[in-house]
């Protein structure tokens, strides 16, 4: 999440917890079946999960030279996207050559279709078939669209900071891009999730512009102001979720872009304030799990996306529960923590594997430099 601005030894726990809670809501929001329970809970999750994620990312954003930003962003964000696409390909191929779990093969076939569709969807970053001018591909890339959108947010925001140092002009540019994103998104998507990055900007910027407050723990806190902000966030969150859904993947807000944006900002701030209070008072249940979930957030998304596409563990379990006669509502509730645990465990193992791979590649490159280039590797 580009949080290298904060050394590992000085991690801010409540920010990790905030990201972890956001990712928890993302996973549950994708597994939750509104046809069984109604839309309200899903609308509430979608109104705040990615805005909260982006708010924390803005708080942790560290200004650096443009090329350095591109390098860091590529390694921390686009590499997970590439890994996610490769894993979809691998497990899709495996699913076609096994007969142990017929439901795995059937679900994978229905969600993906073919290798060519995976590659095309990966290239254009097809988070969903929202293109007015193109044939439907099936949603094969799924939730990892966010990684490319997030990368674009960082690049766009850096460009805005380079264009002008005046706050009111920066806010004006962000507002204009957000408006353009929603206006076009109401009709069609554009490749590379560019419209998504436009409408994600306000949430990221709200974290960036308020970072001094969040990172300066010596600042005085007015309890009345905090209570007012929390109350305002809850009210806006309720109004937003009651009147439609915020779909950043398609740059659409059926409750209205203004309400969706304001709700996303203030409800995220309210949640983060509550998290900070609970963490400070050591009252938060599951703090360590949520903190670790936040630290592994991008790879949690990658593994969770496998669950949605080519390695549908959650859907296989739910299918077997339903076939055994268990009430579908109970089945859906049962598989939610399973889905979260699967995404977390997979992310932990994947992170370890990639760390070992990176270490070995670095050693090989170091040996190559020392032996053939004739100078020490640094």
Protein backbone atom coordinates (compact mmCIF):
# COMPACT_ATOMS: atom_id res chain seq x y z
CA UNK A 1 0.00 0.00 0.00
CA UNK A 2 2.97 2.28 -0.44
CA UNK A 3 3.25 2.73 3.29
CA UNK A 4 7.05 2.67 3.20
CA UNK A 5 6.88 6.22 4.51
CA UNK A 6 6.45 4.56 7.90
CA UNK A 7 9.18 2.13 9.01
CA UNK A 8 8.04 -1.34 9.99
CA UNK A 9 9.05 -0.77 13.62
CA UNK A 10 6.90 2.37 13.75
CA UNK A 11 3.77 1.07 12.07
CA UNK A 12 0.63 2.89 13.11
CA UNK A 13 -1.62 0.08 14.26
CA UNK A 14 -4.96 1.80 13.85
CA UNK A 15 -4.18 2.59 10.18
CA UNK A 16 -3.34 -1.06 9.53
CA UNK A 17 -6.58 -1.99 11.29
CA UNK A 18 -8.46 0.51 9.11
CA UNK A 19 -7.14 -1.12 5.95
CA UNK A 20 -7.85 -4.54 7.40
CA UNK A 21 -11.46 -3.60 8.15
CA UNK A 22 -11.83 -2.19 4.64
CA UNK A 23 -10.54 -5.44 3.12
CA UNK A 24 -12.79 -7.47 5.41
CA UNK A 25 -15.77 -5.52 4.09
CA UNK A 26 -14.60 -6.02 0.50
CA UNK A 27 -14.47 -9.81 0.92
CA UNK A 28 -17.81 -10.04 2.73
CA UNK A 29 -19.42 -7.66 0.25
CA UNK A 30 -18.50 -9.96 -2.64
CA UNK A 31 -19.66 -13.15 -0.87
CA UNK A 32 -22.87 -11.73 0.58
CA UNK A 33 -25.89 -12.75 -1.49
CA UNK A 34 -28.44 -9.92 -1.54
CA UNK A 35 -31.14 -12.15 -3.05
CA UNK A 36 -31.21 -14.00 0.28
CA UNK A 37 -31.07 -11.07 2.68
CA UNK A 38 -31.90 -7.91 0.73
CA UNK A 39 -29.66 -5.18 -0.69
CA UNK A 40 -29.30 -2.86 2.31
CA UNK A 41 -26.27 -4.54 3.94
CA UNK A 42 -24.44 -4.83 0.62
CA UNK A 43 -25.13 -1.18 -0.19
CA UNK A 44 -23.75 -0.18 3.22
CA UNK A 45 -20.52 -2.12 2.64
CA UNK A 46 -19.98 -0.74 -0.85
CA UNK A 47 -20.58 2.81 0.38
CA UNK A 48 -17.49 2.75 2.60
CA UNK A 49 -15.10 -0.18 2.01
CA UNK A 50 -12.95 1.21 -0.82
CA UNK A 51 -13.30 4.84 0.33
CA UNK A 52 -11.85 3.78 3.71
CA UNK A 53 -9.06 1.92 1.94
CA UNK A 54 -8.24 5.02 -0.12
CA UNK A 55 -8.47 7.37 2.87
CA UNK A 56 -5.77 5.38 4.68
CA UNK A 57 -3.69 5.23 1.50
CA UNK A 58 -3.84 9.02 1.21
CA UNK A 59 -2.72 9.38 4.82
CA UNK A 60 0.29 7.15 4.15
CA UNK A 61 1.15 8.75 0.80
CA UNK A 62 4.73 10.03 0.69
CA UNK A 63 5.71 12.62 -1.87
CA UNK A 64 8.66 11.51 -3.99
CA UNK A 65 10.07 12.21 -7.47
CA UNK A 66 7.78 11.10 -10.29
CA UNK A 67 10.03 8.29 -11.57
CA UNK A 68 10.56 7.01 -8.04
CA UNK A 69 6.79 6.99 -7.54
CA UNK A 70 6.30 5.00 -10.73
CA UNK A 71 8.90 2.45 -9.65
CA UNK A 72 7.52 2.04 -6.13
CA UNK A 73 3.94 1.88 -7.40
CA UNK A 74 4.78 -0.71 -10.04
CA UNK A 75 6.52 -2.97 -7.55
CA UNK A 76 3.92 -2.66 -4.79
CA UNK A 77 0.73 -2.48 -6.85
CA UNK A 78 1.11 -3.66 -10.44
CA UNK A 79 3.25 -6.68 -9.55
CA UNK A 80 0.37 -8.03 -7.40
CA UNK A 81 -1.95 -7.41 -10.36
CA UNK A 82 0.33 -9.41 -12.67
CA UNK A 83 0.61 -12.16 -10.04
CA UNK A 84 -3.18 -12.17 -9.75
CA UNK A 85 -3.63 -12.61 -13.50
CA UNK A 86 -1.06 -15.43 -13.62
CA UNK A 87 -2.78 -17.24 -10.75
CA UNK A 88 -6.13 -17.00 -12.53
CA UNK A 89 -4.54 -18.54 -15.62
CA UNK A 90 -2.83 -21.31 -13.65
CA UNK A 91 -5.88 -22.38 -11.66
CA UNK A 92 -8.15 -22.10 -14.68
CA UNK A 93 -5.90 -24.52 -16.60
CA UNK A 94 -5.72 -26.85 -13.59
CA UNK A 95 -9.49 -26.83 -13.25
CA UNK A 96 -9.88 -28.06 -16.82
CA UNK A 97 -7.63 -31.08 -16.20
CA UNK A 98 -9.07 -32.45 -12.98
CA UNK A 99 -12.23 -34.39 -12.26
CA UNK A 100 -12.02 -34.55 -8.48
CA UNK A 101 -14.40 -31.64 -7.94
CA UNK A 102 -16.86 -31.26 -10.79
CA UNK A 103 -18.28 -28.12 -9.17
CA UNK A 104 -14.81 -26.49 -9.37
CA UNK A 105 -14.65 -27.14 -13.10
CA UNK A 106 -18.22 -25.99 -13.72
CA UNK A 107 -17.89 -22.77 -11.71
CA UNK A 108 -14.52 -21.93 -13.25
CA UNK A 109 -15.89 -22.50 -16.76
CA UNK A 110 -18.95 -20.36 -16.14
CA UNK A 111 -16.98 -17.47 -14.64
CA UNK A 112 -14.06 -17.37 -17.09
CA UNK A 113 -14.82 -19.00 -20.44
CA UNK A 114 -11.37 -19.22 -22.02
CA UNK A 115 -7.69 -18.29 -21.71
CA UNK A 116 -8.05 -15.75 -24.51
CA UNK A 117 -10.76 -13.94 -22.54
CA UNK A 118 -8.51 -13.86 -19.48
CA UNK A 119 -5.70 -12.26 -21.47
CA UNK A 120 -7.94 -9.73 -23.19
CA UNK A 121 -9.65 -8.82 -19.92
CA UNK A 122 -6.29 -8.52 -18.15
CA UNK A 123 -4.97 -6.22 -20.88
CA UNK A 124 -7.94 -3.84 -20.80
CA UNK A 125 -8.43 -4.37 -17.03
CA UNK A 126 -12.02 -5.52 -17.36
CA UNK A 127 -13.50 -5.22 -13.90
CA UNK A 128 -16.94 -5.74 -15.39
CA UNK A 129 -18.75 -5.71 -18.70
CA UNK A 130 -19.74 -2.06 -18.65
CA UNK A 131 -18.53 -1.18 -22.16
CA UNK A 132 -21.15 0.35 -24.43
CA UNK A 133 -18.91 -0.04 -27.48
CA UNK A 134 -17.52 -3.57 -26.96
CA UNK A 135 -18.93 -7.12 -26.73
CA UNK A 136 -19.27 -8.71 -23.31
CA UNK A 137 -16.24 -10.73 -22.18
CA UNK A 138 -17.53 -12.13 -18.85
CA UNK A 139 -16.08 -10.76 -15.62
CA UNK A 140 -12.81 -12.66 -15.50
CA UNK A 141 -10.40 -10.21 -13.90
CA UNK A 142 -12.79 -9.28 -11.14
CA UNK A 143 -11.75 -7.51 -7.95
CA UNK A 144 -8.10 -6.96 -8.90
CA UNK A 145 -9.23 -4.18 -11.24
CA UNK A 146 -8.77 -2.06 -8.11
CA UNK A 147 -4.99 -2.50 -8.21
CA UNK A 148 -4.72 -0.79 -11.60
CA UNK A 149 -7.23 1.88 -10.57
CA UNK A 150 -5.25 2.54 -7.40
CA UNK A 151 -2.00 2.80 -9.38
CA UNK A 152 -3.65 5.37 -11.64
CA UNK A 153 -4.90 7.35 -8.64
CA UNK A 154 -1.33 7.70 -7.37
CA UNK A 155 -0.07 8.84 -10.77
CA UNK A 156 -2.98 11.25 -11.30
CA UNK A 157 -2.61 12.74 -7.84
CA UNK A 158 1.12 13.23 -8.34
CA UNK A 159 0.43 14.99 -11.66
CA UNK A 160 -2.05 17.30 -9.91
CA UNK A 161 0.54 18.17 -7.26
CA UNK A 162 3.06 18.93 -10.01
CA UNK A 163 0.61 21.09 -11.95
CA UNK A 164 -0.19 23.40 -9.04
CA UNK A 165 0.73 23.92 -5.40
CA UNK A 166 -2.44 25.87 -4.68
CA UNK A 167 -4.92 23.87 -2.64
CA UNK A 168 -8.05 25.35 -4.19
CA UNK A 169 -6.80 24.54 -7.70
CA UNK A 170 -5.93 20.98 -6.67
CA UNK A 171 -9.40 20.51 -5.20
CA UNK A 172 -10.91 22.04 -8.34
CA UNK A 173 -9.05 19.63 -10.65
CA UNK A 174 -10.01 16.64 -8.48
CA UNK A 175 -13.66 17.75 -8.45
CA UNK A 176 -13.67 18.19 -12.25
CA UNK A 177 -12.13 14.76 -12.87
CA UNK A 178 -14.61 13.19 -10.45
CA UNK A 179 -17.51 14.83 -12.26
CA UNK A 180 -16.20 13.66 -15.64
CA UNK A 181 -15.77 10.14 -14.26
CA UNK A 182 -19.36 9.88 -13.08
CA UNK A 183 -20.80 11.56 -16.19
CA UNK A 184 -19.10 9.14 -18.58
CA UNK A 185 -19.44 6.17 -16.20
CA UNK A 186 -23.21 6.49 -16.21
CA UNK A 187 -23.12 5.55 -19.92
CA UNK A 188 -20.05 3.36 -20.48
CA UNK A 189 -16.74 2.18 -19.05
CA UNK A 190 -13.34 3.02 -20.52
CA UNK A 191 -10.32 0.66 -20.71
CA UNK A 192 -7.79 0.45 -17.86
CA UNK A 193 -10.43 1.51 -15.28
CA UNK A 194 -9.49 5.13 -15.93
CA UNK A 195 -12.95 6.37 -14.92
CA UNK A 196 -12.67 4.46 -11.65
CA UNK A 197 -9.44 6.28 -10.85
CA UNK A 198 -11.19 9.62 -11.47
CA UNK A 199 -13.97 8.93 -8.97
CA UNK A 200 -11.55 7.41 -6.44
CA UNK A 201 -9.49 10.61 -6.25
CA UNK A 202 -11.60 12.47 -3.62
CA UNK A 203 -11.27 9.66 -1.08
CA UNK A 204 -7.51 9.43 -1.53
CA UNK A 205 -7.15 13.23 -1.44
CA UNK A 206 -9.18 13.50 1.77
CA UNK A 207 -6.64 11.26 3.47
CA UNK A 208 -3.68 13.18 2.03
CA UNK A 209 -4.98 16.60 3.05
CA UNK A 210 -5.77 15.45 6.60
CA UNK A 211 -2.62 13.35 7.11
CA UNK A 212 -1.07 15.80 9.61
CA UNK A 213 -4.02 15.27 11.92
CA UNK A 214 -3.88 11.48 11.68
CA UNK A 215 -0.10 11.16 11.98
CA UNK A 216 0.47 13.79 14.67
CA UNK A 217 -0.63 12.05 17.85
CA UNK A 218 0.42 15.06 19.92
CA UNK A 219 -2.32 17.22 18.43
CA UNK A 220 -5.16 18.17 20.74
CA UNK A 221 -8.44 16.43 19.99
CA UNK A 222 -11.73 18.18 20.54
CA UNK A 223 -14.19 15.53 21.72
CA UNK A 224 -17.20 17.56 20.63
CA UNK A 225 -15.81 17.92 17.10
CA UNK A 226 -14.94 14.22 16.95
CA UNK A 227 -18.46 13.29 18.09
CA UNK A 228 -19.98 15.61 15.48
CA UNK A 229 -17.86 14.12 12.67
CA UNK A 230 -18.69 10.56 13.72
CA UNK A 231 -22.39 11.39 13.89
CA UNK A 232 -22.26 13.17 10.50
CA UNK A 233 -20.44 10.19 8.97
CA UNK A 234 -23.04 7.74 10.29
CA UNK A 235 -25.94 9.88 9.00
CA UNK A 236 -24.39 10.28 5.53
CA UNK A 237 -23.51 6.58 5.45
CA UNK A 238 -27.13 5.68 6.22
CA UNK A 239 -28.51 8.10 3.63
CA UNK A 240 -26.12 6.85 0.96
CA UNK A 241 -26.80 3.15 1.59
CA UNK A 242 -30.55 3.78 1.77
CA UNK A 243 -30.69 5.48 -1.61
CA UNK A 244 -28.46 3.37 -3.86
CA UNK A 245 -25.07 1.76 -4.35
CA UNK A 246 -21.61 3.18 -4.99
CA UNK A 247 -19.90 1.13 -7.71
CA UNK A 248 -16.38 2.48 -8.15
CA UNK A 249 -15.61 -0.32 -10.62
CA UNK A 250 -18.03 1.26 -13.12
CA UNK A 251 -17.84 4.86 -11.86
CA UNK A 252 -21.52 4.84 -10.96
CA UNK A 253 -23.37 6.06 -7.89
CA UNK A 254 -27.09 5.38 -8.05
CA UNK A 255 -27.66 7.44 -4.89
CA UNK A 256 -26.07 10.42 -6.66
CA UNK A 257 -22.36 11.29 -7.02
CA UNK A 258 -22.45 14.12 -4.45
CA UNK A 259 -24.07 12.05 -1.71
CA UNK A 260 -21.87 9.03 -2.54
CA UNK A 261 -18.67 11.09 -2.41
CA UNK A 262 -19.50 12.99 0.77
CA UNK A 263 -20.71 9.83 2.44
CA UNK A 264 -17.58 7.92 1.40
CA UNK A 265 -15.32 10.61 2.83
CA UNK A 266 -17.10 11.31 6.13
CA UNK A 267 -18.17 7.74 6.90
CA UNK A 268 -14.56 6.62 6.33
CA UNK A 269 -13.27 9.36 8.63
CA UNK A 270 -15.88 8.40 11.22
CA UNK A 271 -14.89 4.73 11.07
CA UNK A 272 -11.20 5.58 11.36
CA UNK A 273 -11.88 7.82 14.36
CA UNK A 274 -13.79 5.03 16.08
CA UNK A 275 -11.02 2.54 15.25
CA UNK A 276 -8.38 4.88 16.68
CA UNK A 277 -10.35 5.35 19.91
CA UNK A 278 -10.87 1.59 20.33
CA UNK A 279 -7.22 0.78 19.55
CA UNK A 280 -5.96 3.47 21.94
CA UNK A 281 -8.15 2.11 24.73
CA UNK A 282 -7.30 -1.50 23.81
CA UNK A 283 -10.99 -2.31 23.36
CA UNK A 284 -10.94 -3.57 19.78
CA UNK A 285 -11.63 -7.29 19.40
CA UNK A 286 -9.52 -8.93 16.68
CA UNK A 287 -7.05 -6.05 16.53
CA UNK A 288 -4.04 -8.22 15.65
CA UNK A 289 -5.91 -10.10 12.93
CA UNK A 290 -7.25 -6.92 11.35
CA UNK A 291 -3.83 -5.29 11.55
CA UNK A 292 -2.18 -8.21 9.76
CA UNK A 293 -5.03 -8.30 7.25
CA UNK A 294 -4.32 -4.65 6.53
CA UNK A 295 -0.60 -5.22 6.08
CA UNK A 296 -1.30 -8.02 3.57
CA UNK A 297 -4.22 -6.16 2.00
CA UNK A 298 -3.18 -6.19 -1.65
CA UNK A 299 -2.39 -9.90 -1.68
CA UNK A 300 -5.56 -10.60 0.30
CA UNK A 301 -7.37 -9.00 -2.63
CA UNK A 302 -5.41 -11.14 -5.10
CA UNK A 303 -6.27 -14.41 -3.32
CA UNK A 304 -9.87 -13.36 -2.72
CA UNK A 305 -10.15 -12.67 -6.44
CA UNK A 306 -9.14 -16.28 -7.12
CA UNK A 307 -12.09 -17.29 -4.96
CA UNK A 308 -14.31 -15.21 -7.22
CA UNK A 309 -12.91 -16.64 -10.47
CA UNK A 310 -10.81 -19.74 -11.03
CA UNK A 311 -10.38 -21.27 -7.55
CA UNK A 312 -13.89 -20.83 -6.10
CA UNK A 313 -13.40 -22.38 -2.65
CA UNK A 314 -16.24 -20.42 -1.07
CA UNK A 315 -18.72 -21.22 -3.83
CA UNK A 316 -17.83 -24.93 -3.79
CA UNK A 317 -18.42 -25.14 -0.04
CA UNK A 318 -21.67 -23.18 -0.31
CA UNK A 319 -22.82 -25.40 -3.18
CA UNK A 320 -22.22 -28.55 -1.10
CA UNK A 321 -23.97 -27.04 1.93
CA UNK A 322 -27.00 -26.16 -0.19
CA UNK A 323 -27.06 -29.63 -1.75
CA UNK A 324 -27.02 -31.17 1.73
CA UNK A 325 -30.27 -29.40 2.54
CA UNK A 326 -28.95 -26.58 4.73
CA UNK A 327 -30.88 -23.33 4.49
CA UNK A 328 -29.23 -21.06 1.85
CA UNK A 329 -29.17 -18.12 4.27
CA UNK A 330 -27.31 -20.20 6.86
CA UNK A 331 -24.94 -21.48 4.15
CA UNK A 332 -24.13 -17.94 3.08
CA UNK A 333 -23.43 -16.88 6.66
CA UNK A 334 -21.23 -19.93 7.26
CA UNK A 335 -19.03 -19.36 4.20
CA UNK A 336 -18.31 -15.69 4.92
CA UNK A 337 -15.65 -16.32 7.61
CA UNK A 338 -14.34 -19.23 5.51
CA UNK A 339 -13.86 -16.85 2.59
CA UNK A 340 -12.04 -14.34 4.80
CA UNK A 341 -9.79 -17.05 6.28
CA UNK A 342 -9.01 -18.45 2.82
CA UNK A 343 -8.04 -15.00 1.50
CA UNK A 344 -5.92 -14.21 4.56
CA UNK A 345 -4.11 -17.58 4.66
CA UNK A 346 -3.47 -17.51 0.93
CA UNK A 347 -2.16 -13.95 1.11
CA UNK A 348 0.18 -14.85 3.98
CA UNK A 349 1.62 -17.83 2.07
CA UNK A 350 1.84 -15.90 -1.19
CA UNK A 351 3.64 -13.03 0.49
CA UNK A 352 6.15 -15.45 2.05
CA UNK A 353 6.72 -17.21 -1.28
CA UNK A 354 7.26 -13.97 -3.17
CA UNK A 355 9.61 -12.67 -0.46
CA UNK A 356 11.75 -15.82 -0.77
CA UNK A 357 11.69 -15.50 -4.56
CA UNK A 358 12.70 -11.84 -4.40
CA UNK A 359 15.56 -12.64 -2.02
CA UNK A 360 16.90 -15.38 -4.30
CA UNK A 361 16.62 -13.24 -7.41
CA UNK A 362 18.49 -10.44 -5.63
CA UNK A 363 21.26 -12.86 -4.62
CA UNK A 364 21.58 -14.15 -8.19
CA UNK A 365 21.73 -10.62 -9.58
CA UNK A 366 24.30 -9.67 -6.94
CA UNK A 367 26.51 -12.61 -7.90
CA UNK A 368 26.13 -11.72 -11.59
CA UNK A 369 27.18 -8.11 -10.97
CA UNK A 370 30.18 -9.11 -8.87
CA UNK A 371 31.36 -11.78 -11.32
CA UNK A 372 30.69 -10.33 -14.76
CA UNK A 373 30.34 -6.58 -14.41
CA UNK A 374 33.37 -6.30 -12.17
CA UNK A 375 31.88 -4.11 -9.48
CA UNK A 376 30.12 -4.68 -6.23
CA UNK A 377 26.37 -4.82 -6.18
CA UNK A 378 24.73 -2.24 -3.93
